[in-house]
Amino acid sequence: SGSVKDREVQKVLSKMMRIVKGDTGVKREDVDSTVEKYLDLHKDEDSSQRLKENHWLVKKYYDMATDFYEYGWGQSFHFAPRAKNETFAASLARHEHYLALVLQLKPGMHVLDLGCGVGGPAREIARFTGCHVTGVNMNDYQLQRFAELTHQAGLERLVDCRKSDFAQLPFPDNSIDAVYQIEAFCHAGDLTKVFREVMRVLKPGGMFAGYDWVMTDKFDE
């Protein structure tokens, strides 16, 4: 209907106005200097300085990119192979449902989403399984959007978020039923520390699962 289309147009315009006004995670006047530093850190083959500045890199990238991601991608910032005649939204949901099924998630379980973005997968998995999902993220702007979108969805009972680094999770030992990540560990500075933390917080018998990009020897073929 026309009213539905009008509301969708208004949502798009609202997002674009936030970007134009600089009402996002980075001030408009800081964009040029932020981009310049970000690119400079990727020029050298020596990655030592880039690793030292890893937190800054991740934070500033998503300060600038998050609204564009939402505008063009939706609330789930990940890829998903599409079946024939499957919609983009359906492919994302199926990807997330499969992860939930592999982890055998169910009501009453406490689950972590590491690198949760603005919470699209966390909300979908909570709706699908009835488990409680806590998103973990160190980007303030994404956490703000996570909370806003979770409130709009009426899912505060099942979904929340915490500010934290992957390698320093603010949860007790043996306290979490399952942990997952979706294309987020590429941002981790030290994967050994991250997986050590995952193992620490998981209850005995708890499971971890995730999706990540893989580049094979056939990449250029």
Protein backbone atom coordinates (compact mmCIF):
# COMPACT_ATOMS: atom_id res chain seq x y z
CA SER A 1 0.00 0.00 0.00
CA GLY A 2 0.98 3.60 -0.39
CA SER A 3 1.21 4.16 3.38
CA VAL A 4 3.63 1.26 3.81
CA LYS A 5 5.76 2.54 0.94
CA ASP A 6 5.73 6.03 2.45
CA ARG A 7 6.95 4.68 5.78
CA GLU A 8 9.78 2.80 4.07
CA VAL A 9 10.82 5.93 2.17
CA GLN A 10 10.77 7.89 5.42
CA LYS A 11 13.04 5.32 7.10
CA VAL A 12 15.55 5.60 4.24
CA LEU A 13 15.45 9.41 4.32
CA SER A 14 15.92 9.41 8.09
CA LYS A 15 19.02 7.22 7.82
CA MET A 16 20.50 9.32 5.04
CA MET A 17 19.87 12.54 6.97
CA ARG A 18 21.79 11.13 9.96
CA ILE A 19 24.74 10.48 7.66
CA VAL A 20 24.59 13.89 5.95
CA LYS A 21 24.27 15.76 9.27
CA GLY A 22 27.08 13.78 10.83
CA ASP A 23 24.69 12.37 13.46
CA THR A 24 26.52 9.04 13.45
CA GLY A 25 29.49 7.55 15.26
CA VAL A 26 32.01 10.06 13.86
CA LYS A 27 31.72 13.84 13.60
CA ARG A 28 31.39 15.18 10.09
CA GLU A 29 34.44 17.42 10.44
CA ASP A 30 36.56 14.41 11.48
CA VAL A 31 35.74 12.19 8.51
CA ASP A 32 38.65 13.20 6.26
CA SER A 33 41.33 12.85 8.94
CA THR A 34 39.88 9.55 10.14
CA VAL A 35 39.85 8.08 6.63
CA GLU A 36 43.40 9.31 5.99
CA LYS A 37 44.74 7.64 9.14
CA TYR A 38 42.80 4.45 8.42
CA LEU A 39 44.29 4.20 4.92
CA ASP A 40 47.80 5.05 6.14
CA LEU A 41 47.70 2.12 8.57
CA HIS A 42 47.05 -0.23 5.64
CA LYS A 43 49.87 1.02 3.39
CA ASP A 44 52.82 -0.76 4.98
CA GLU A 45 53.40 -4.48 4.63
CA ASP A 46 54.56 -4.51 8.25
CA SER A 47 51.36 -5.05 10.23
CA SER A 48 52.82 -4.32 13.68
CA GLN A 49 51.49 -0.75 13.89
CA ARG A 50 48.15 -1.84 12.49
CA LEU A 51 47.85 -4.48 15.22
CA LYS A 52 48.72 -1.90 17.89
CA GLU A 53 45.93 0.32 16.59
CA ASN A 54 43.47 -2.53 16.03
CA HIS A 55 40.84 -1.21 18.46
CA TRP A 56 40.97 2.25 16.88
CA LEU A 57 40.71 0.77 13.36
CA VAL A 58 37.66 -1.33 14.14
CA LYS A 59 35.91 1.42 16.09
CA LYS A 60 36.42 4.13 13.48
CA TYR A 61 35.56 1.84 10.56
CA TYR A 62 32.17 1.03 12.04
CA ASP A 63 31.60 4.58 13.28
CA MET A 64 31.62 5.59 9.62
CA ALA A 65 30.22 2.48 7.94
CA THR A 66 27.32 1.41 10.17
CA ASP A 67 24.61 3.67 8.76
CA PHE A 68 25.63 2.81 5.21
CA TYR A 69 25.48 -0.89 6.11
CA GLU A 70 21.98 -0.48 7.53
CA TYR A 71 20.87 1.53 4.52
CA GLY A 72 22.10 -0.96 1.94
CA TRP A 73 22.22 -4.25 3.84
CA GLY A 74 19.68 -4.21 6.67
CA GLN A 75 20.35 -5.15 10.29
CA SER A 76 22.37 -8.35 9.71
CA PHE A 77 25.87 -7.44 8.53
CA HIS A 78 26.92 -10.74 6.98
CA PHE A 79 26.84 -12.70 3.75
CA ALA A 80 24.56 -15.65 3.04
CA PRO A 81 24.43 -17.89 -0.06
CA ARG A 82 21.03 -17.52 -1.73
CA ALA A 83 18.97 -20.43 -2.99
CA LYS A 84 17.11 -20.12 -6.29
CA ASN A 85 14.16 -17.72 -5.95
CA GLU A 86 15.09 -16.99 -2.33
CA THR A 87 14.90 -13.36 -1.18
CA PHE A 88 17.90 -11.63 0.32
CA ALA A 89 16.19 -11.30 3.71
CA ALA A 90 15.19 -14.97 3.71
CA SER A 91 18.77 -16.04 2.95
CA LEU A 92 20.09 -14.06 5.92
CA ALA A 93 17.49 -15.55 8.26
CA ARG A 94 18.16 -19.08 7.01
CA HIS A 95 21.89 -18.58 7.59
CA GLU A 96 21.19 -17.51 11.18
CA HIS A 97 18.65 -20.27 11.82
CA TYR A 98 21.14 -22.90 10.68
CA LEU A 99 23.69 -21.60 13.19
CA ALA A 100 21.07 -21.79 15.95
CA LEU A 101 20.19 -25.36 15.00
CA VAL A 102 23.84 -26.46 14.95
CA LEU A 103 24.27 -25.02 18.46
CA GLN A 104 21.00 -26.69 19.58
CA LEU A 105 19.76 -23.45 21.10
CA LYS A 106 16.54 -23.49 23.13
CA PRO A 107 14.62 -21.42 25.70
CA GLY A 108 16.47 -20.80 28.94
CA MET A 109 19.94 -20.85 27.41
CA HIS A 110 22.26 -17.84 27.65
CA VAL A 111 24.14 -17.28 24.39
CA LEU A 112 26.82 -14.78 23.33
CA ASP A 113 27.00 -13.13 19.91
CA LEU A 114 30.59 -11.91 19.58
CA GLY A 115 30.90 -8.91 17.29
CA CYS A 116 27.14 -8.43 17.25
CA GLY A 117 26.90 -5.34 15.02
CA VAL A 118 23.52 -3.67 15.48
CA GLY A 119 21.96 -6.94 16.60
CA GLY A 120 20.14 -8.33 13.57
CA PRO A 121 21.32 -11.95 14.06
CA ALA A 122 20.88 -11.77 17.85
CA ARG A 123 17.25 -10.71 17.52
CA GLU A 124 16.51 -13.26 14.79
CA ILE A 125 18.08 -16.13 16.74
CA ALA A 126 16.30 -15.12 19.96
CA ARG A 127 12.95 -15.01 18.14
CA PHE A 128 13.63 -18.34 16.42
CA THR A 129 14.78 -20.28 19.49
CA GLY A 130 13.53 -18.44 22.59
CA CYS A 131 17.06 -18.35 24.07
CA HIS A 132 18.57 -15.21 25.62
CA VAL A 133 21.24 -13.61 23.42
CA THR A 134 23.79 -11.09 24.70
CA GLY A 135 25.59 -9.20 21.98
CA VAL A 136 29.23 -8.24 22.60
CA ASN A 137 30.70 -5.25 20.81
CA MET A 138 33.19 -2.46 21.57
CA ASN A 139 31.69 0.14 19.22
CA ASP A 140 29.53 2.65 21.10
CA TYR A 141 27.51 3.73 18.07
CA GLN A 142 26.61 0.15 17.11
CA LEU A 143 25.64 -0.60 20.72
CA GLN A 144 23.38 2.46 20.66
CA ARG A 145 21.71 1.23 17.46
CA PHE A 146 21.51 -2.30 18.89
CA ALA A 147 19.55 -1.02 21.91
CA GLU A 148 17.27 1.17 19.79
CA LEU A 149 16.42 -1.59 17.32
CA THR A 150 15.91 -4.17 20.06
CA HIS A 151 13.49 -1.82 21.80
CA GLN A 152 11.62 -1.25 18.53
CA ALA A 153 11.35 -5.02 18.10
CA GLY A 154 10.06 -5.46 21.66
CA LEU A 155 12.77 -8.02 22.44
CA GLU A 156 14.47 -6.54 25.52
CA ARG A 157 13.38 -9.61 27.51
CA LEU A 158 15.47 -11.90 25.30
CA VAL A 159 18.20 -9.68 23.85
CA ASP A 160 20.74 -7.30 25.38
CA CYS A 161 24.25 -6.05 24.61
CA ARG A 162 27.50 -5.43 26.47
CA LYS A 163 30.52 -3.32 25.61
CA SER A 164 33.61 -5.50 25.61
CA ASP A 165 36.66 -6.69 23.73
CA PHE A 166 36.52 -10.30 22.46
CA ALA A 167 39.69 -11.05 24.42
CA GLN A 168 38.35 -9.75 27.75
CA LEU A 169 34.80 -11.00 28.09
CA PRO A 170 32.95 -9.65 31.17
CA PHE A 171 31.40 -12.99 32.14
CA PRO A 172 32.34 -15.53 34.85
CA ASP A 173 34.00 -18.84 34.09
CA ASN A 174 31.67 -21.64 32.94
CA SER A 175 28.64 -19.33 32.78
CA ILE A 176 27.55 -19.33 29.11
CA ASP A 177 25.62 -22.08 27.30
CA ALA A 178 26.80 -21.31 23.76
CA VAL A 179 28.83 -18.75 21.82
CA TYR A 180 28.75 -17.79 18.15
CA GLN A 181 30.29 -15.23 15.83
CA ILE A 182 29.38 -14.29 12.27
CA GLU A 183 32.24 -12.87 10.17
CA ALA A 184 33.55 -10.94 13.17
CA PHE A 185 36.81 -12.61 14.16
CA CYS A 186 38.60 -10.99 11.23
CA HIS A 187 38.71 -7.94 13.54
CA ALA A 188 40.42 -9.77 16.41
CA GLY A 189 44.03 -8.79 17.03
CA ASP A 190 44.93 -12.11 18.66
CA LEU A 191 42.72 -15.13 17.90
CA THR A 192 44.46 -17.29 20.50
CA LYS A 193 43.34 -14.90 23.26
CA VAL A 194 39.83 -14.78 21.81
CA PHE A 195 39.36 -18.54 21.70
CA ARG A 196 40.87 -18.84 25.18
CA GLU A 197 38.17 -16.47 26.43
CA VAL A 198 35.45 -18.39 24.60
CA MET A 199 36.58 -21.60 26.26
CA ARG A 200 36.76 -19.90 29.66
CA VAL A 201 33.17 -18.60 29.68
CA LEU A 202 31.54 -21.69 28.14
CA LYS A 203 29.94 -24.18 30.48
CA PRO A 204 31.30 -27.75 30.26
CA GLY A 205 29.80 -29.23 27.11
CA GLY A 206 28.88 -25.81 25.75
CA MET A 207 29.41 -25.23 22.06
CA PHE A 208 30.94 -22.55 19.86
CA ALA A 209 30.13 -22.03 16.19
CA GLY A 210 30.84 -19.35 13.63
CA TYR A 211 31.02 -18.25 10.04
CA ASP A 212 34.12 -16.68 8.55
CA TRP A 213 35.65 -15.92 5.19
CA VAL A 214 38.23 -18.33 3.81
CA MET A 215 40.60 -17.62 0.92
CA THR A 216 41.96 -20.73 -0.76
CA ASP A 217 44.88 -21.26 -3.15
CA LYS A 218 42.34 -21.05 -5.98
CA PHE A 219 41.39 -17.47 -5.13
CA ASP A 220 42.82 -16.00 -8.37
CA GLU A 221 41.56 -18.73 -10.66
